Amino acid sequence: MDSDMGITEDVIGRARRIELVGFDVDGVLTNGSLFFGDDGQEYKAFNARDGHGLRMLHDHGIRTAIITGRTSQTVAHRANNLEIDIVYQGRHDKAGALDELMQTTGLESGRIAYVGDDVIDLPVLCRVGLAIAVNDAHPLVVQHCHWQTPSRGGQGAGRDVSELLLKARGVYEAAMQKYIP
């Protein structure tokens, strides 16, 4: 497939089975920076291309979820905007959140992918069918993942994941054709 993205046949085989992909937020869907106003309000910057990638996943029957250790209204708004209906915030026990996710969806771990960047994500990454680290992830996370995105967290990593899954399903080219007049 795309050798420049480090996609092996094992990764493609795992990606073909995925029905749901979960994302950490800080360092994955954002670059990890946290901005606070004088009033204590938290702000985050999300990547629009990542958002469109998640929408493309939805268009092709792949569900998305968020499992994050922090709690933020900004994340709730972004999840609502992207129609992500499974959101676990304030979950430092991410493995427990994965158990709830599997219970809620009826999916086995082999049908779930997860994208993380830091050691708090390892309890989930070590259990899912496709473990993905963003390009600037902690080295221990990279060591325990099946694939690493070409892009950094908050700078296109979510889109990389979306395109990987669409390519593995053989629908990427057709998905792109709808944008070409």
N, C-alpha and C. Protein backbone atom coordinates (compact mmCIF):
# COMPACT_ATOMS: atom_id res chain seq x y z
N MET A 1 0.85 -1.18 0.00
CA MET A 1 0.00 0.00 0.00
C MET A 1 0.89 1.24 0.00
N ASP A 2 0.81 2.15 0.96
CA ASP A 2 1.62 3.36 0.97
C ASP A 2 2.87 3.15 1.81
N SER A 3 3.94 2.75 1.15
CA SER A 3 5.17 2.49 1.89
C SER A 3 5.71 3.76 2.54
N ASP A 4 5.40 4.93 1.95
CA ASP A 4 5.90 6.17 2.53
C ASP A 4 5.21 6.49 3.86
N MET A 5 4.10 5.86 4.15
CA MET A 5 3.42 6.08 5.43
C MET A 5 3.73 4.95 6.41
N GLY A 6 4.61 4.02 6.05
CA GLY A 6 4.97 2.93 6.93
C GLY A 6 3.85 1.94 7.16
N ILE A 7 3.00 1.79 6.17
CA ILE A 7 1.85 0.91 6.31
C ILE A 7 2.23 -0.49 5.87
N THR A 8 2.26 -1.43 6.80
CA THR A 8 2.60 -2.82 6.51
C THR A 8 1.33 -3.62 6.23
N GLU A 9 1.50 -4.81 5.73
CA GLU A 9 0.35 -5.69 5.49
C GLU A 9 -0.35 -6.04 6.81
N ASP A 10 0.41 -6.17 7.90
CA ASP A 10 -0.20 -6.42 9.20
C ASP A 10 -1.12 -5.26 9.59
N VAL A 11 -0.65 -4.03 9.40
CA VAL A 11 -1.46 -2.86 9.73
C VAL A 11 -2.72 -2.83 8.86
N ILE A 12 -2.58 -3.12 7.58
CA ILE A 12 -3.75 -3.14 6.68
C ILE A 12 -4.75 -4.20 7.14
N GLY A 13 -4.26 -5.37 7.47
CA GLY A 13 -5.15 -6.43 7.94
C GLY A 13 -5.89 -6.03 9.20
N ARG A 14 -5.20 -5.41 10.13
CA ARG A 14 -5.83 -4.93 11.36
C ARG A 14 -6.84 -3.82 11.05
N ALA A 15 -6.45 -2.90 10.18
CA ALA A 15 -7.31 -1.76 9.84
C ALA A 15 -8.60 -2.20 9.16
N ARG A 16 -8.56 -3.25 8.38
CA ARG A 16 -9.77 -3.75 7.70
C ARG A 16 -10.85 -4.19 8.68
N ARG A 17 -10.44 -4.61 9.86
CA ARG A 17 -11.39 -5.12 10.86
C ARG A 17 -12.04 -4.03 11.71
N ILE A 18 -11.52 -2.82 11.63
CA ILE A 18 -11.93 -1.76 12.55
C ILE A 18 -13.34 -1.24 12.23
N GLU A 19 -14.16 -1.20 13.28
CA GLU A 19 -15.51 -0.65 13.19
C GLU A 19 -15.66 0.65 13.99
N LEU A 20 -14.71 0.90 14.88
CA LEU A 20 -14.75 2.10 15.71
C LEU A 20 -13.32 2.52 16.02
N VAL A 21 -13.06 3.81 15.93
CA VAL A 21 -11.75 4.33 16.31
C VAL A 21 -11.92 5.36 17.41
N GLY A 22 -11.16 5.17 18.48
CA GLY A 22 -11.18 6.10 19.60
C GLY A 22 -9.97 7.01 19.55
N PHE A 23 -10.16 8.22 20.00
CA PHE A 23 -9.10 9.21 19.99
C PHE A 23 -8.91 9.80 21.38
N ASP A 24 -7.66 9.95 21.79
CA ASP A 24 -7.33 10.85 22.89
C ASP A 24 -7.49 12.25 22.31
N VAL A 25 -7.51 13.26 23.14
CA VAL A 25 -7.68 14.63 22.65
C VAL A 25 -6.36 15.39 22.69
N ASP A 26 -5.88 15.73 23.88
CA ASP A 26 -4.69 16.56 24.01
C ASP A 26 -3.46 15.81 23.50
N GLY A 27 -2.85 16.34 22.45
CA GLY A 27 -1.70 15.70 21.84
C GLY A 27 -2.05 14.80 20.68
N VAL A 28 -3.34 14.57 20.44
CA VAL A 28 -3.80 13.75 19.31
C VAL A 28 -4.69 14.58 18.40
N LEU A 29 -5.84 15.02 18.91
CA LEU A 29 -6.71 15.88 18.12
C LEU A 29 -6.33 17.35 18.27
N THR A 30 -5.47 17.64 19.24
CA THR A 30 -4.87 18.97 19.39
C THR A 30 -3.36 18.75 19.46
N ASN A 31 -2.60 19.84 19.45
CA ASN A 31 -1.14 19.68 19.55
C ASN A 31 -0.69 19.52 21.00
N GLY A 32 -1.61 19.48 21.92
CA GLY A 32 -1.28 19.28 23.33
C GLY A 32 -1.17 20.57 24.12
N SER A 33 -1.17 21.70 23.43
CA SER A 33 -1.11 22.98 24.15
C SER A 33 -2.44 23.25 24.83
N LEU A 34 -2.37 23.82 26.02
CA LEU A 34 -3.58 24.21 26.75
C LEU A 34 -3.53 25.71 26.95
N PHE A 35 -4.60 26.40 26.59
CA PHE A 35 -4.69 27.84 26.74
C PHE A 35 -5.78 28.15 27.75
N PHE A 36 -5.49 29.02 28.72
CA PHE A 36 -6.45 29.40 29.73
C PHE A 36 -6.64 30.90 29.71
N GLY A 37 -7.91 31.34 29.70
CA GLY A 37 -8.22 32.75 29.81
C GLY A 37 -8.12 33.19 31.26
N ASP A 38 -8.17 34.49 31.47
CA ASP A 38 -8.10 35.03 32.83
C ASP A 38 -9.23 34.50 33.70
N ASP A 39 -10.34 34.12 33.07
CA ASP A 39 -11.48 33.60 33.82
C ASP A 39 -11.37 32.11 34.09
N GLY A 40 -10.25 31.49 33.66
CA GLY A 40 -10.06 30.06 33.87
C GLY A 40 -10.62 29.20 32.74
N GLN A 41 -11.27 29.82 31.77
CA GLN A 41 -11.81 29.09 30.63
C GLN A 41 -10.67 28.46 29.83
N GLU A 42 -10.84 27.19 29.47
CA GLU A 42 -9.82 26.46 28.71
C GLU A 42 -10.14 26.53 27.23
N TYR A 43 -9.09 26.73 26.43
CA TYR A 43 -9.23 26.79 24.97
C TYR A 43 -8.29 25.77 24.34
N LYS A 44 -8.74 25.19 23.23
CA LYS A 44 -7.93 24.22 22.49
C LYS A 44 -8.07 24.53 21.01
N ALA A 45 -7.04 24.22 20.25
CA ALA A 45 -7.10 24.39 18.80
C ALA A 45 -7.18 23.02 18.14
N PHE A 46 -8.22 22.81 17.35
CA PHE A 46 -8.42 21.56 16.62
C PHE A 46 -8.09 21.79 15.15
N ASN A 47 -7.72 20.73 14.46
CA ASN A 47 -7.36 20.80 13.05
C ASN A 47 -8.60 20.48 12.21
N ALA A 48 -8.93 21.37 11.28
CA ALA A 48 -10.12 21.20 10.43
C ALA A 48 -10.01 19.96 9.55
N ARG A 49 -8.81 19.66 9.04
CA ARG A 49 -8.66 18.46 8.20
C ARG A 49 -8.88 17.19 9.00
N ASP A 50 -8.44 17.19 10.27
CA ASP A 50 -8.74 16.04 11.13
C ASP A 50 -10.24 15.87 11.24
N GLY A 51 -10.93 16.98 11.46
CA GLY A 51 -12.39 16.93 11.59
C GLY A 51 -13.06 16.37 10.34
N HIS A 52 -12.60 16.79 9.18
CA HIS A 52 -13.19 16.27 7.95
C HIS A 52 -12.88 14.78 7.80
N GLY A 53 -11.70 14.37 8.23
CA GLY A 53 -11.35 12.95 8.19
C GLY A 53 -12.30 12.13 9.05
N LEU A 54 -12.64 12.63 10.24
CA LEU A 54 -13.58 11.91 11.09
C LEU A 54 -14.96 11.85 10.45
N ARG A 55 -15.35 12.91 9.76
CA ARG A 55 -16.63 12.89 9.05
C ARG A 55 -16.61 11.84 7.93
N MET A 56 -15.47 11.72 7.23
CA MET A 56 -15.35 10.70 6.19
C MET A 56 -15.48 9.30 6.79
N LEU A 57 -14.92 9.09 7.98
CA LEU A 57 -15.08 7.79 8.64
C LEU A 57 -16.56 7.50 8.86
N HIS A 58 -17.27 8.49 9.40
CA HIS A 58 -18.71 8.31 9.65
C HIS A 58 -19.44 7.98 8.35
N ASP A 59 -19.08 8.66 7.26
CA ASP A 59 -19.72 8.43 5.97
C ASP A 59 -19.53 7.00 5.48
N HIS A 60 -18.50 6.33 5.98
CA HIS A 60 -18.21 4.96 5.55
C HIS A 60 -18.46 3.94 6.67
N GLY A 61 -19.29 4.32 7.62
CA GLY A 61 -19.75 3.37 8.63
C GLY A 61 -18.78 3.07 9.75
N ILE A 62 -17.74 3.87 9.91
CA ILE A 62 -16.79 3.68 11.00
C ILE A 62 -17.12 4.69 12.09
N ARG A 63 -17.45 4.19 13.26
CA ARG A 63 -17.81 5.06 14.39
C ARG A 63 -16.56 5.65 15.02
N THR A 64 -16.74 6.75 15.72
CA THR A 64 -15.63 7.40 16.42
C THR A 64 -16.01 7.63 17.88
N ALA A 65 -15.00 7.71 18.71
CA ALA A 65 -15.20 7.95 20.14
C ALA A 65 -14.03 8.77 20.66
N ILE A 66 -14.22 9.37 21.80
CA ILE A 66 -13.17 10.11 22.50
C ILE A 66 -13.02 9.52 23.88
N ILE A 67 -11.75 9.26 24.26
CA ILE A 67 -11.42 8.87 25.63
C ILE A 67 -10.28 9.80 26.06
N THR A 68 -10.58 10.70 26.99
CA THR A 68 -9.59 11.69 27.40
C THR A 68 -9.55 11.81 28.92
N GLY A 69 -8.38 12.10 29.42
CA GLY A 69 -8.20 12.24 30.86
C GLY A 69 -8.68 13.57 31.41
N ARG A 70 -8.75 14.57 30.56
CA ARG A 70 -9.18 15.91 30.99
C ARG A 70 -10.66 16.07 30.71
N THR A 71 -11.26 17.06 31.38
CA THR A 71 -12.66 17.41 31.15
C THR A 71 -12.71 18.85 30.65
N SER A 72 -13.40 19.05 29.53
CA SER A 72 -13.44 20.37 28.92
C SER A 72 -14.71 20.55 28.12
N GLN A 73 -15.35 21.69 28.29
CA GLN A 73 -16.52 22.02 27.48
C GLN A 73 -16.14 22.14 26.01
N THR A 74 -14.90 22.57 25.76
CA THR A 74 -14.42 22.68 24.38
C THR A 74 -14.47 21.32 23.69
N VAL A 75 -14.07 20.27 24.38
CA VAL A 75 -14.11 18.93 23.82
C VAL A 75 -15.56 18.50 23.57
N ALA A 76 -16.44 18.80 24.51
CA ALA A 76 -17.86 18.47 24.32
C ALA A 76 -18.41 19.16 23.08
N HIS A 77 -18.06 20.43 22.89
CA HIS A 77 -18.53 21.17 21.71
C HIS A 77 -17.97 20.58 20.43
N ARG A 78 -16.68 20.24 20.43
CA ARG A 78 -16.06 19.67 19.23
C ARG A 78 -16.66 18.30 18.92
N ALA A 79 -16.87 17.49 19.93
CA ALA A 79 -17.48 16.17 19.72
C ALA A 79 -18.89 16.33 19.14
N ASN A 80 -19.66 17.26 19.66
CA ASN A 80 -20.99 17.51 19.15
C ASN A 80 -20.92 17.98 17.70
N ASN A 81 -20.00 18.87 17.40
CA ASN A 81 -19.82 19.39 16.04
C ASN A 81 -19.49 18.28 15.05
N LEU A 82 -18.72 17.30 15.49
CA LEU A 82 -18.31 16.19 14.61
C LEU A 82 -19.23 14.98 14.73
N GLU A 83 -20.30 15.11 15.52
CA GLU A 83 -21.27 14.03 15.72
C GLU A 83 -20.63 12.77 16.31
N ILE A 84 -19.69 13.00 17.23
CA ILE A 84 -19.09 11.90 17.98
C ILE A 84 -19.98 11.68 19.20
N ASP A 85 -20.67 10.56 19.22
CA ASP A 85 -21.67 10.35 20.28
C ASP A 85 -21.14 9.60 21.49
N ILE A 86 -19.93 9.07 21.41
CA ILE A 86 -19.35 8.36 22.54
C ILE A 86 -18.16 9.17 23.04
N VAL A 87 -18.33 9.81 24.19
CA VAL A 87 -17.30 10.69 24.73
C VAL A 87 -17.10 10.37 26.20
N TYR A 88 -15.87 9.98 26.54
CA TYR A 88 -15.50 9.74 27.92
C TYR A 88 -14.48 10.81 28.30
N GLN A 89 -14.88 11.75 29.14
CA GLN A 89 -13.99 12.82 29.60
C GLN A 89 -13.66 12.60 31.08
N GLY A 90 -12.51 13.13 31.49
CA GLY A 90 -12.10 13.02 32.88
C GLY A 90 -11.80 11.60 33.28
N ARG A 91 -11.39 10.78 32.32
CA ARG A 91 -11.17 9.36 32.56
C ARG A 91 -9.68 9.05 32.61
N HIS A 92 -9.12 9.09 33.81
CA HIS A 92 -7.71 8.73 33.98
C HIS A 92 -7.54 7.22 33.90
N ASP A 93 -8.61 6.47 34.20
CA ASP A 93 -8.63 5.02 34.02
C ASP A 93 -9.16 4.75 32.62
N LYS A 94 -8.29 4.90 31.64
CA LYS A 94 -8.73 4.75 30.26
C LYS A 94 -9.10 3.30 29.93
N ALA A 95 -8.48 2.34 30.61
CA ALA A 95 -8.84 0.94 30.39
C ALA A 95 -10.28 0.70 30.81
N GLY A 96 -10.69 1.31 31.91
CA GLY A 96 -12.08 1.20 32.36
C GLY A 96 -13.03 1.81 31.34
N ALA A 97 -12.62 2.94 30.75
CA ALA A 97 -13.44 3.57 29.71
C ALA A 97 -13.53 2.65 28.49
N LEU A 98 -12.44 1.98 28.13
CA LEU A 98 -12.48 1.02 27.02
C LEU A 98 -13.45 -0.11 27.32
N ASP A 99 -13.43 -0.61 28.55
CA ASP A 99 -14.38 -1.67 28.94
C ASP A 99 -15.82 -1.20 28.76
N GLU A 100 -16.11 0.03 29.20
CA GLU A 100 -17.46 0.59 29.03
C GLU A 100 -17.81 0.74 27.56
N LEU A 101 -16.84 1.19 26.77
CA LEU A 101 -17.05 1.36 25.34
C LEU A 101 -17.41 0.03 24.69
N MET A 102 -16.69 -1.01 25.03
CA MET A 102 -16.98 -2.33 24.45
C MET A 102 -18.35 -2.83 24.90
N GLN A 103 -18.69 -2.60 26.16
CA GLN A 103 -19.99 -2.99 26.68
C GLN A 103 -21.11 -2.24 25.96
N THR A 104 -20.93 -0.93 25.80
CA THR A 104 -21.94 -0.09 25.17
C THR A 104 -22.15 -0.44 23.70
N THR A 105 -21.06 -0.68 22.98
CA THR A 105 -21.15 -0.91 21.54
C THR A 105 -21.30 -2.38 21.16
N GLY A 106 -20.94 -3.27 22.08
CA GLY A 106 -20.97 -4.69 21.75
C GLY A 106 -19.79 -5.13 20.89
N LEU A 107 -18.80 -4.27 20.74
CA LEU A 107 -17.63 -4.59 19.92
C LEU A 107 -16.55 -5.25 20.76
N GLU A 108 -15.87 -6.22 20.17
CA GLU A 108 -14.70 -6.80 20.81
C GLU A 108 -13.51 -5.89 20.53
N SER A 109 -12.47 -6.01 21.33
CA SER A 109 -11.32 -5.10 21.23
C SER A 109 -10.65 -5.15 19.86
N GLY A 110 -10.69 -6.28 19.18
CA GLY A 110 -10.08 -6.41 17.87
C GLY A 110 -10.74 -5.58 16.79
N ARG A 111 -11.94 -5.09 17.07
CA ARG A 111 -12.69 -4.25 16.12
C ARG A 111 -12.53 -2.76 16.41
N ILE A 112 -11.67 -2.46 17.40
CA ILE A 112 -11.50 -1.08 17.85
C ILE A 112 -10.05 -0.65 17.61
N ALA A 113 -9.89 0.56 17.11
CA ALA A 113 -8.57 1.20 17.01
C ALA A 113 -8.55 2.33 18.04
N TYR A 114 -7.36 2.69 18.48
CA TYR A 114 -7.22 3.82 19.39
C TYR A 114 -5.97 4.59 19.01
N VAL A 115 -6.07 5.91 19.10
CA VAL A 115 -4.97 6.80 18.76
C VAL A 115 -4.54 7.56 20.01
N GLY A 116 -3.28 7.41 20.39
CA GLY A 116 -2.78 8.06 21.59
C GLY A 116 -1.42 8.69 21.38
N ASP A 117 -0.97 9.40 22.41
CA ASP A 117 0.32 10.08 22.33
C ASP A 117 1.16 9.95 23.58
N ASP A 118 0.57 9.59 24.71
CA ASP A 118 1.33 9.60 25.96
C ASP A 118 1.07 8.32 26.75
N VAL A 119 1.85 8.12 27.79
CA VAL A 119 1.82 6.86 28.53
C VAL A 119 0.45 6.56 29.16
N ILE A 120 -0.34 7.58 29.45
CA ILE A 120 -1.68 7.33 30.01
C ILE A 120 -2.56 6.56 29.02
N ASP A 121 -2.20 6.57 27.74
CA ASP A 121 -2.96 5.86 26.71
C ASP A 121 -2.58 4.39 26.59
N LEU A 122 -1.46 3.99 27.16
CA LEU A 122 -0.98 2.61 27.00
C LEU A 122 -1.96 1.53 27.46
N PRO A 123 -2.69 1.69 28.56
CA PRO A 123 -3.63 0.63 28.94
C PRO A 123 -4.70 0.35 27.88
N VAL A 124 -5.03 1.33 27.05
CA VAL A 124 -5.96 1.11 25.95
C VAL A 124 -5.21 0.60 24.73
N LEU A 125 -4.12 1.25 24.39
CA LEU A 125 -3.36 0.88 23.19
C LEU A 125 -2.92 -0.58 23.22
N CYS A 126 -2.60 -1.09 24.39
CA CYS A 126 -2.13 -2.48 24.49
C CYS A 126 -3.25 -3.50 24.37
N ARG A 127 -4.50 -3.05 24.29
CA ARG A 127 -5.64 -3.99 24.24
C ARG A 127 -6.42 -3.95 22.93
N VAL A 128 -6.28 -2.90 22.14
CA VAL A 128 -7.11 -2.76 20.95
C VAL A 128 -6.52 -3.49 19.74
N GLY A 129 -7.35 -3.66 18.73
CA GLY A 129 -6.94 -4.36 17.52
C GLY A 129 -5.96 -3.59 16.67
N LEU A 130 -6.03 -2.27 16.73
CA LEU A 130 -5.10 -1.43 15.99
C LEU A 130 -4.70 -0.26 16.88
N ALA A 131 -3.47 -0.30 17.37
CA ALA A 131 -2.94 0.74 18.25
C ALA A 131 -2.12 1.71 17.40
N ILE A 132 -2.47 2.99 17.51
CA ILE A 132 -1.83 4.01 16.67
C ILE A 132 -1.25 5.11 17.55
N ALA A 133 0.00 5.47 17.26
CA ALA A 133 0.67 6.58 17.93
C ALA A 133 0.79 7.73 16.94
N VAL A 134 0.60 8.94 17.42
CA VAL A 134 0.85 10.10 16.56
C VAL A 134 2.36 10.26 16.39
N ASN A 135 2.75 11.03 15.39
CA ASN A 135 4.16 11.16 15.03
C ASN A 135 5.04 11.64 16.18
N ASP A 136 4.52 12.50 17.04
CA ASP A 136 5.32 13.05 18.13
C ASP A 136 4.97 12.41 19.48
N ALA A 137 4.52 11.17 19.44
CA ALA A 137 4.16 10.45 20.66
C ALA A 137 5.40 10.11 21.49
N HIS A 138 5.16 9.86 22.77
CA HIS A 138 6.21 9.41 23.67
C HIS A 138 6.81 8.11 23.12
N PRO A 139 8.13 7.93 23.21
CA PRO A 139 8.77 6.73 22.66
C PRO A 139 8.20 5.41 23.18
N LEU A 140 7.79 5.35 24.42
CA LEU A 140 7.21 4.12 24.96
C LEU A 140 5.88 3.81 24.29
N VAL A 141 5.13 4.83 23.96
CA VAL A 141 3.86 4.65 23.25
C VAL A 141 4.14 4.10 21.85
N VAL A 142 5.08 4.70 21.15
CA VAL A 142 5.44 4.25 19.80
C VAL A 142 5.84 2.78 19.84
N GLN A 143 6.60 2.41 20.84
CA GLN A 143 7.09 1.03 20.98
C GLN A 143 5.94 0.02 21.08
N HIS A 144 4.80 0.44 21.63
CA HIS A 144 3.68 -0.48 21.85
C HIS A 144 2.55 -0.32 20.83
N CYS A 145 2.81 0.37 19.74
CA CYS A 145 1.77 0.58 18.73
C CYS A 145 2.06 -0.18 17.44
N HIS A 146 1.01 -0.42 16.69
CA HIS A 146 1.13 -1.10 15.40
C HIS A 146 1.54 -0.14 14.29
N TRP A 147 1.18 1.14 14.45
CA TRP A 147 1.46 2.12 13.39
C TRP A 147 1.63 3.50 14.00
N GLN A 148 2.44 4.32 13.35
CA GLN A 148 2.65 5.70 13.78
C GLN A 148 2.30 6.62 12.62
N THR A 149 1.50 7.64 12.89
CA THR A 149 1.07 8.56 11.85
C THR A 149 2.25 9.39 11.33
N PRO A 150 2.20 9.79 10.06
CA PRO A 150 3.22 10.69 9.54
C PRO A 150 3.12 12.09 10.16
N SER A 151 1.91 12.49 10.56
CA SER A 151 1.69 13.84 11.08
C SER A 151 1.70 13.85 12.61
N ARG A 152 2.01 15.02 13.14
CA ARG A 152 2.02 15.23 14.59
C ARG A 152 0.58 15.39 15.10
N GLY A 153 0.43 15.22 16.39
CA GLY A 153 -0.87 15.43 17.02
C GLY A 153 -1.38 16.84 16.78
N GLY A 154 -2.65 16.96 16.41
CA GLY A 154 -3.26 18.26 16.16
C GLY A 154 -2.84 18.89 14.85
N GLN A 155 -2.03 18.18 14.08
CA GLN A 155 -1.54 18.72 12.82
C GLN A 155 -1.74 17.74 11.67
N GLY A 156 -2.84 17.00 11.73
CA GLY A 156 -3.18 16.09 10.64
C GLY A 156 -3.14 14.62 11.00
N ALA A 157 -2.79 14.28 12.23
CA ALA A 157 -2.72 12.86 12.62
C ALA A 157 -4.09 12.18 12.52
N GLY A 158 -5.15 12.89 12.91
CA GLY A 158 -6.49 12.31 12.80
C GLY A 158 -6.86 12.02 11.35
N ARG A 159 -6.46 12.90 10.45
CA ARG A 159 -6.72 12.68 9.03
C ARG A 159 -5.91 11.50 8.51
N ASP A 160 -4.65 11.36 8.97
CA ASP A 160 -3.83 10.20 8.59
C ASP A 160 -4.53 8.90 8.96
N VAL A 161 -5.09 8.85 10.16
CA VAL A 161 -5.79 7.66 10.62
C VAL A 161 -7.01 7.39 9.75
N SER A 162 -7.76 8.43 9.46
CA SER A 162 -8.96 8.29 8.64
C SER A 162 -8.61 7.74 7.27
N GLU A 163 -7.58 8.29 6.65
CA GLU A 163 -7.19 7.84 5.32
C GLU A 163 -6.66 6.41 5.34
N LEU A 164 -5.92 6.05 6.38
CA LEU A 164 -5.46 4.67 6.52
C LEU A 164 -6.64 3.71 6.53
N LEU A 165 -7.65 4.00 7.34
CA LEU A 165 -8.79 3.10 7.46
C LEU A 165 -9.59 3.03 6.17
N LEU A 166 -9.74 4.15 5.48
CA LEU A 166 -10.46 4.14 4.20
C LEU A 166 -9.68 3.38 3.14
N LYS A 167 -8.36 3.53 3.13
CA LYS A 167 -7.53 2.79 2.18
C LYS A 167 -7.61 1.29 2.45
N ALA A 168 -7.58 0.92 3.72
CA ALA A 168 -7.64 -0.50 4.08
C ALA A 168 -8.96 -1.13 3.63
N ARG A 169 -10.03 -0.35 3.64
CA ARG A 169 -11.34 -0.83 3.20
C ARG A 169 -11.51 -0.78 1.69
N GLY A 170 -10.54 -0.16 1.01
CA GLY A 170 -10.61 -0.05 -0.44
C GLY A 170 -11.59 1.00 -0.94
N VAL A 171 -11.92 1.99 -0.11
CA VAL A 171 -12.89 3.00 -0.50
C VAL A 171 -12.28 4.41 -0.60
N TYR A 172 -11.00 4.52 -0.36
CA TYR A 172 -10.37 5.84 -0.34
C TYR A 172 -10.49 6.57 -1.68
N GLU A 173 -10.13 5.91 -2.76
CA GLU A 173 -10.15 6.55 -4.08
C GLU A 173 -11.56 7.04 -4.41
N ALA A 174 -12.56 6.19 -4.18
CA ALA A 174 -13.94 6.58 -4.47
C ALA A 174 -14.38 7.74 -3.55
N ALA A 175 -13.93 7.72 -2.31
CA ALA A 175 -14.28 8.81 -1.38
C ALA A 175 -13.70 10.14 -1.85
N MET A 176 -12.51 10.11 -2.41
CA MET A 176 -11.86 11.33 -2.90
C MET A 176 -12.49 11.83 -4.20
N GLN A 177 -12.99 10.91 -5.02
CA GLN A 177 -13.56 11.30 -6.32
C GLN A 177 -14.74 12.25 -6.20
N LYS A 178 -15.46 12.17 -5.11
CA LYS A 178 -16.64 13.04 -4.98
C LYS A 178 -16.26 14.52 -4.83
N TYR A 179 -14.98 14.79 -4.56
CA TYR A 179 -14.54 16.17 -4.43
C TYR A 179 -13.97 16.75 -5.72
N ILE A 180 -13.78 15.88 -6.71
CA ILE A 180 -13.20 16.33 -7.97
C ILE A 180 -14.31 16.58 -8.98
N PRO A 181 -14.43 17.84 -9.46
CA PRO A 181 -15.51 18.17 -10.41
C PRO A 181 -15.35 17.49 -11.76
